[in-house]
Amino acid sequence: MIGSIAKSVRDGSAAGLLLLSLAACSTAAQAASYVMYRDAGCGCCLEWADHAAAGLEAEVTAENADMQMVKDLHGVPDNLRACHTMIVEGYVIEGHVPAEAIQKLLREKPENVVGLAVPGMPVGSPGMEYQDQKQPYQVIAFGPKGQRVFASYN
């Protein structure tokens, strides 16, 4: 069954993506597991995953998924979309969100928050390091009641 799910994910089918998401969420009670969707050609996604995965288990990386469909399926607002999407304990993590913000989200479990996002690819954010350059950016919490700043980084 796992092989057919993996094939469906590689093929980008909605059913495969949904099954993979549900499978990842079903293990949340056991450990903080995650599924990361990304384009196979994107190098910054892997660098970010190394940073973000601290303290998490059971990585499943779905490469070559239909990223538009993944973002639509998980309710990522158009203005917050970035290059990769991670699902952890039922939360959506979009883009280059720092690990400390993810850990805070998992620890506090704020009401009406579906996920966190760092729109775009700010220089200096995890996975986007370049020399000593840093661009200020915000982590945005989003959910049924709208969007708000969750954390700011300089």
C-alpha atoms as a PDB file:
ATOM      1  CA  MET A   1       0.000   0.000   0.000  1.00  0.00           C
ATOM      2  CA  ILE A   2       2.818   2.410   0.887  1.00  0.00           C
ATOM      3  CA  GLY A   3       4.280   1.846  -2.582  1.00  0.00           C
ATOM      4  CA  SER A   4       1.003   2.764  -4.273  1.00  0.00           C
ATOM      5  CA  ILE A   5       0.692   5.878  -2.107  1.00  0.00           C
ATOM      6  CA  ALA A   6       4.256   6.880  -2.992  1.00  0.00           C
ATOM      7  CA  LYS A   7       3.529   6.327  -6.705  1.00  0.00           C
ATOM      8  CA  SER A   8       0.372   8.445  -6.431  1.00  0.00           C
ATOM      9  CA  VAL A   9       2.364  11.211  -4.762  1.00  0.00           C
ATOM     10  CA  ARG A  10       5.050  11.062  -7.455  1.00  0.00           C
ATOM     11  CA  ASP A  11       2.313  11.242 -10.066  1.00  0.00           C
ATOM     12  CA  GLY A  12       0.815  14.232  -8.209  1.00  0.00           C
ATOM     13  CA  SER A  13      -2.658  12.718  -7.782  1.00  0.00           C
ATOM     14  CA  ALA A  14      -4.993  14.347  -5.282  1.00  0.00           C
ATOM     15  CA  ALA A  15      -5.918  10.990  -3.753  1.00  0.00           C
ATOM     16  CA  GLY A  16      -2.271  10.110  -3.162  1.00  0.00           C
ATOM     17  CA  LEU A  17      -1.545  13.475  -1.587  1.00  0.00           C
ATOM     18  CA  LEU A  18      -4.583  13.184   0.653  1.00  0.00           C
ATOM     19  CA  LEU A  19      -3.647   9.629   1.730  1.00  0.00           C
ATOM     20  CA  LEU A  20      -0.081  10.676   2.469  1.00  0.00           C
ATOM     21  CA  SER A  21      -1.282  13.671   4.504  1.00  0.00           C
ATOM     22  CA  LEU A  22      -3.703  11.515   6.479  1.00  0.00           C
ATOM     23  CA  ALA A  23      -1.040   8.886   7.104  1.00  0.00           C
ATOM     24  CA  ALA A  24       1.334  11.518   8.448  1.00  0.00           C
ATOM     25  CA  CYS A  25      -1.330  13.073  10.659  1.00  0.00           C
ATOM     26  CA  SER A  26      -2.323   9.680  12.091  1.00  0.00           C
ATOM     27  CA  THR A  27       1.112   9.282  13.700  1.00  0.00           C
ATOM     28  CA  ALA A  28       1.014  12.704  15.379  1.00  0.00           C
ATOM     29  CA  ALA A  29       0.084  11.162  18.729  1.00  0.00           C
ATOM     30  CA  GLN A  30       3.222   8.999  18.617  1.00  0.00           C
ATOM     31  CA  ALA A  31       5.742  11.669  17.645  1.00  0.00           C
ATOM     32  CA  ALA A  32       5.980  14.976  15.871  1.00  0.00           C
ATOM     33  CA  SER A  33       6.141  13.605  12.340  1.00  0.00           C
ATOM     34  CA  TYR A  34       6.029  15.564   9.132  1.00  0.00           C
ATOM     35  CA  VAL A  35       5.491  15.391   5.420  1.00  0.00           C
ATOM     36  CA  MET A  36       7.251  17.904   3.187  1.00  0.00           C
ATOM     37  CA  TYR A  37       6.160  18.658  -0.367  1.00  0.00           C
ATOM     38  CA  ARG A  38       8.675  20.259  -2.696  1.00  0.00           C
ATOM     39  CA  ASP A  39       9.881  20.516  -6.238  1.00  0.00           C
ATOM     40  CA  ALA A  40      12.732  18.056  -6.771  1.00  0.00           C
ATOM     41  CA  GLY A  41      14.850  20.762  -8.403  1.00  0.00           C
ATOM     42  CA  CYS A  42      14.774  23.163  -5.446  1.00  0.00           C
ATOM     43  CA  GLY A  43      17.927  23.125  -3.321  1.00  0.00           C
ATOM     44  CA  CYS A  44      16.832  25.653  -0.711  1.00  0.00           C
ATOM     45  CA  CYS A  45      13.998  23.311   0.297  1.00  0.00           C
ATOM     46  CA  LEU A  46      16.447  20.635   1.431  1.00  0.00           C
ATOM     47  CA  GLU A  47      18.541  23.148   3.355  1.00  0.00           C
ATOM     48  CA  TRP A  48      15.401  24.433   5.091  1.00  0.00           C
ATOM     49  CA  ALA A  49      14.269  20.852   5.854  1.00  0.00           C
ATOM     50  CA  ASP A  50      17.577  20.118   7.600  1.00  0.00           C
ATOM     51  CA  HIS A  51      17.013  23.205   9.774  1.00  0.00           C
ATOM     52  CA  ALA A  52      13.290  22.668  10.431  1.00  0.00           C
ATOM     53  CA  ALA A  53      13.423  18.932  11.162  1.00  0.00           C
ATOM     54  CA  ALA A  54      15.243  19.381  14.482  1.00  0.00           C
ATOM     55  CA  GLY A  55      13.142  17.513  17.041  1.00  0.00           C
ATOM     56  CA  LEU A  56      10.800  16.005  14.438  1.00  0.00           C
ATOM     57  CA  GLU A  57      10.629  12.406  13.227  1.00  0.00           C
ATOM     58  CA  ALA A  58       9.374  10.332  10.304  1.00  0.00           C
ATOM     59  CA  GLU A  59      10.268  12.529   7.366  1.00  0.00           C
ATOM     60  CA  VAL A  60       8.386  11.821   4.176  1.00  0.00           C
ATOM     61  CA  THR A  61       9.407  14.015   1.289  1.00  0.00           C
ATOM     62  CA  ALA A  62       7.011  14.151  -1.618  1.00  0.00           C
ATOM     63  CA  GLU A  63       8.970  15.391  -4.616  1.00  0.00           C
ATOM     64  CA  ASN A  64       7.434  16.448  -7.892  1.00  0.00           C
ATOM     65  CA  ALA A  65       4.011  16.856  -6.312  1.00  0.00           C
ATOM     66  CA  ASP A  66       1.590  19.292  -7.920  1.00  0.00           C
ATOM     67  CA  MET A  67       2.486  22.136  -5.563  1.00  0.00           C
ATOM     68  CA  GLN A  68      -0.522  24.256  -6.534  1.00  0.00           C
ATOM     69  CA  MET A  69      -2.794  21.353  -5.599  1.00  0.00           C
ATOM     70  CA  VAL A  70      -0.938  20.737  -2.318  1.00  0.00           C
ATOM     71  CA  LYS A  71      -1.332  24.371  -1.310  1.00  0.00           C
ATOM     72  CA  ASP A  72      -4.993  24.431  -2.363  1.00  0.00           C
ATOM     73  CA  LEU A  73      -5.691  21.180  -0.488  1.00  0.00           C
ATOM     74  CA  HIS A  74      -4.153  22.541   2.716  1.00  0.00           C
ATOM     75  CA  GLY A  75      -5.697  26.014   2.521  1.00  0.00           C
ATOM     76  CA  VAL A  76      -2.534  28.078   2.051  1.00  0.00           C
ATOM     77  CA  PRO A  77      -3.658  31.625   1.159  1.00  0.00           C
ATOM     78  CA  ASP A  78      -2.387  32.854  -2.226  1.00  0.00           C
ATOM     79  CA  ASN A  79      -0.517  35.800  -0.670  1.00  0.00           C
ATOM     80  CA  LEU A  80       1.453  33.500   1.671  1.00  0.00           C
ATOM     81  CA  ARG A  81       2.626  30.827  -0.767  1.00  0.00           C
ATOM     82  CA  ALA A  82       6.289  29.941  -1.065  1.00  0.00           C
ATOM     83  CA  CYS A  83       8.386  27.145  -2.555  1.00  0.00           C
ATOM     84  CA  HIS A  84       7.675  24.225  -0.185  1.00  0.00           C
ATOM     85  CA  THR A  85       4.924  23.039   2.142  1.00  0.00           C
ATOM     86  CA  MET A  86       5.271  20.896   5.255  1.00  0.00           C
ATOM     87  CA  ILE A  87       2.499  19.262   7.281  1.00  0.00           C
ATOM     88  CA  VAL A  88       3.344  18.584  10.927  1.00  0.00           C
ATOM     89  CA  GLU A  89       0.846  17.503  13.583  1.00  0.00           C
ATOM     90  CA  GLY A  90      -1.935  18.714  11.301  1.00  0.00           C
ATOM     91  CA  TYR A  91      -0.454  22.204  10.890  1.00  0.00           C
ATOM     92  CA  VAL A  92       0.672  23.652   7.562  1.00  0.00           C
ATOM     93  CA  ILE A  93       4.158  25.169   7.442  1.00  0.00           C
ATOM     94  CA  GLU A  94       4.687  27.178   4.270  1.00  0.00           C
ATOM     95  CA  GLY A  95       8.074  28.441   3.152  1.00  0.00           C
ATOM     96  CA  HIS A  96      11.165  29.265   5.203  1.00  0.00           C
ATOM     97  CA  VAL A  97       9.627  29.267   8.695  1.00  0.00           C
ATOM     98  CA  PRO A  98      12.314  29.033  11.425  1.00  0.00           C
ATOM     99  CA  ALA A  99      12.350  25.874  13.569  1.00  0.00           C
ATOM    100  CA  GLU A 100      11.814  27.895  16.753  1.00  0.00           C
ATOM    101  CA  ALA A 101       8.519  29.269  15.369  1.00  0.00           C
ATOM    102  CA  ILE A 102       7.407  25.738  14.437  1.00  0.00           C
ATOM    103  CA  GLN A 103       8.277  24.449  17.908  1.00  0.00           C
ATOM    104  CA  LYS A 104       6.364  27.354  19.503  1.00  0.00           C
ATOM    105  CA  LEU A 105       3.317  26.540  17.345  1.00  0.00           C
ATOM    106  CA  LEU A 106       3.443  22.847  18.320  1.00  0.00           C
ATOM    107  CA  ARG A 107       3.913  23.704  21.989  1.00  0.00           C
ATOM    108  CA  GLU A 108       1.225  26.415  22.271  1.00  0.00           C
ATOM    109  CA  LYS A 109      -1.322  25.099  19.727  1.00  0.00           C
ATOM    110  CA  PRO A 110      -3.053  28.487  19.314  1.00  0.00           C
ATOM    111  CA  GLU A 111      -6.758  28.504  18.461  1.00  0.00           C
ATOM    112  CA  ASN A 112      -7.865  29.320  14.928  1.00  0.00           C
ATOM    113  CA  VAL A 113      -4.394  28.767  13.456  1.00  0.00           C
ATOM    114  CA  VAL A 114      -4.149  26.372  10.508  1.00  0.00           C
ATOM    115  CA  GLY A 115      -0.491  27.080   9.885  1.00  0.00           C
ATOM    116  CA  LEU A 116       2.497  29.385   9.621  1.00  0.00           C
ATOM    117  CA  ALA A 117       4.014  30.943   6.526  1.00  0.00           C
ATOM    118  CA  VAL A 118       6.989  32.982   5.422  1.00  0.00           C
ATOM    119  CA  PRO A 119       5.968  34.263   2.004  1.00  0.00           C
ATOM    120  CA  GLY A 120       8.630  34.492  -0.655  1.00  0.00           C
ATOM    121  CA  MET A 121      12.229  33.601  -0.003  1.00  0.00           C
ATOM    122  CA  PRO A 122      13.758  36.244   2.319  1.00  0.00           C
ATOM    123  CA  VAL A 123      17.568  36.332   2.327  1.00  0.00           C
ATOM    124  CA  GLY A 124      18.871  35.146   5.692  1.00  0.00           C
ATOM    125  CA  SER A 125      15.857  33.005   6.539  1.00  0.00           C
ATOM    126  CA  PRO A 126      16.568  29.296   7.185  1.00  0.00           C
ATOM    127  CA  GLY A 127      17.652  27.698   3.911  1.00  0.00           C
ATOM    128  CA  MET A 128      18.200  31.095   2.288  1.00  0.00           C
ATOM    129  CA  GLU A 129      21.431  32.078   4.022  1.00  0.00           C
ATOM    130  CA  TYR A 130      23.791  34.118   1.883  1.00  0.00           C
ATOM    131  CA  GLN A 131      27.076  35.403   3.295  1.00  0.00           C
ATOM    132  CA  ASP A 132      26.182  37.724   6.206  1.00  0.00           C
ATOM    133  CA  GLN A 133      23.159  39.253   4.508  1.00  0.00           C
ATOM    134  CA  LYS A 134      19.824  39.280   6.316  1.00  0.00           C
ATOM    135  CA  GLN A 135      16.503  40.640   5.181  1.00  0.00           C
ATOM    136  CA  PRO A 136      13.865  41.331   7.873  1.00  0.00           C
ATOM    137  CA  TYR A 137      10.809  39.072   7.541  1.00  0.00           C
ATOM    138  CA  GLN A 138       7.728  37.965   9.424  1.00  0.00           C
ATOM    139  CA  VAL A 139       6.186  34.599  10.142  1.00  0.00           C
ATOM    140  CA  ILE A 140       2.455  34.860   9.499  1.00  0.00           C
ATOM    141  CA  ALA A 141      -0.110  32.674  11.288  1.00  0.00           C
ATOM    142  CA  PHE A 142      -3.168  31.951   9.162  1.00  0.00           C
ATOM    143  CA  GLY A 143      -6.502  30.317   9.772  1.00  0.00           C
ATOM    144  CA  PRO A 144     -10.268  30.715   9.564  1.00  0.00           C
ATOM    145  CA  LYS A 145     -10.191  34.092  11.302  1.00  0.00           C
ATOM    146  CA  GLY A 146      -7.563  35.605   9.010  1.00  0.00           C
ATOM    147  CA  GLN A 147      -3.851  36.311   9.247  1.00  0.00           C
ATOM    148  CA  ARG A 148      -1.614  37.798  11.951  1.00  0.00           C
ATOM    149  CA  VAL A 149       2.085  38.204  12.673  1.00  0.00           C
ATOM    150  CA  PHE A 150       3.291  35.225  14.707  1.00  0.00           C
ATOM    151  CA  ALA A 151       6.983  36.230  14.896  1.00  0.00           C
ATOM    152  CA  SER A 152       9.374  38.793  13.397  1.00  0.00           C
ATOM    153  CA  TYR A 153      13.015  38.276  12.460  1.00  0.00           C
ATOM    154  CA  ASN A 154      15.727  40.817  11.597  1.00  0.00           C
END
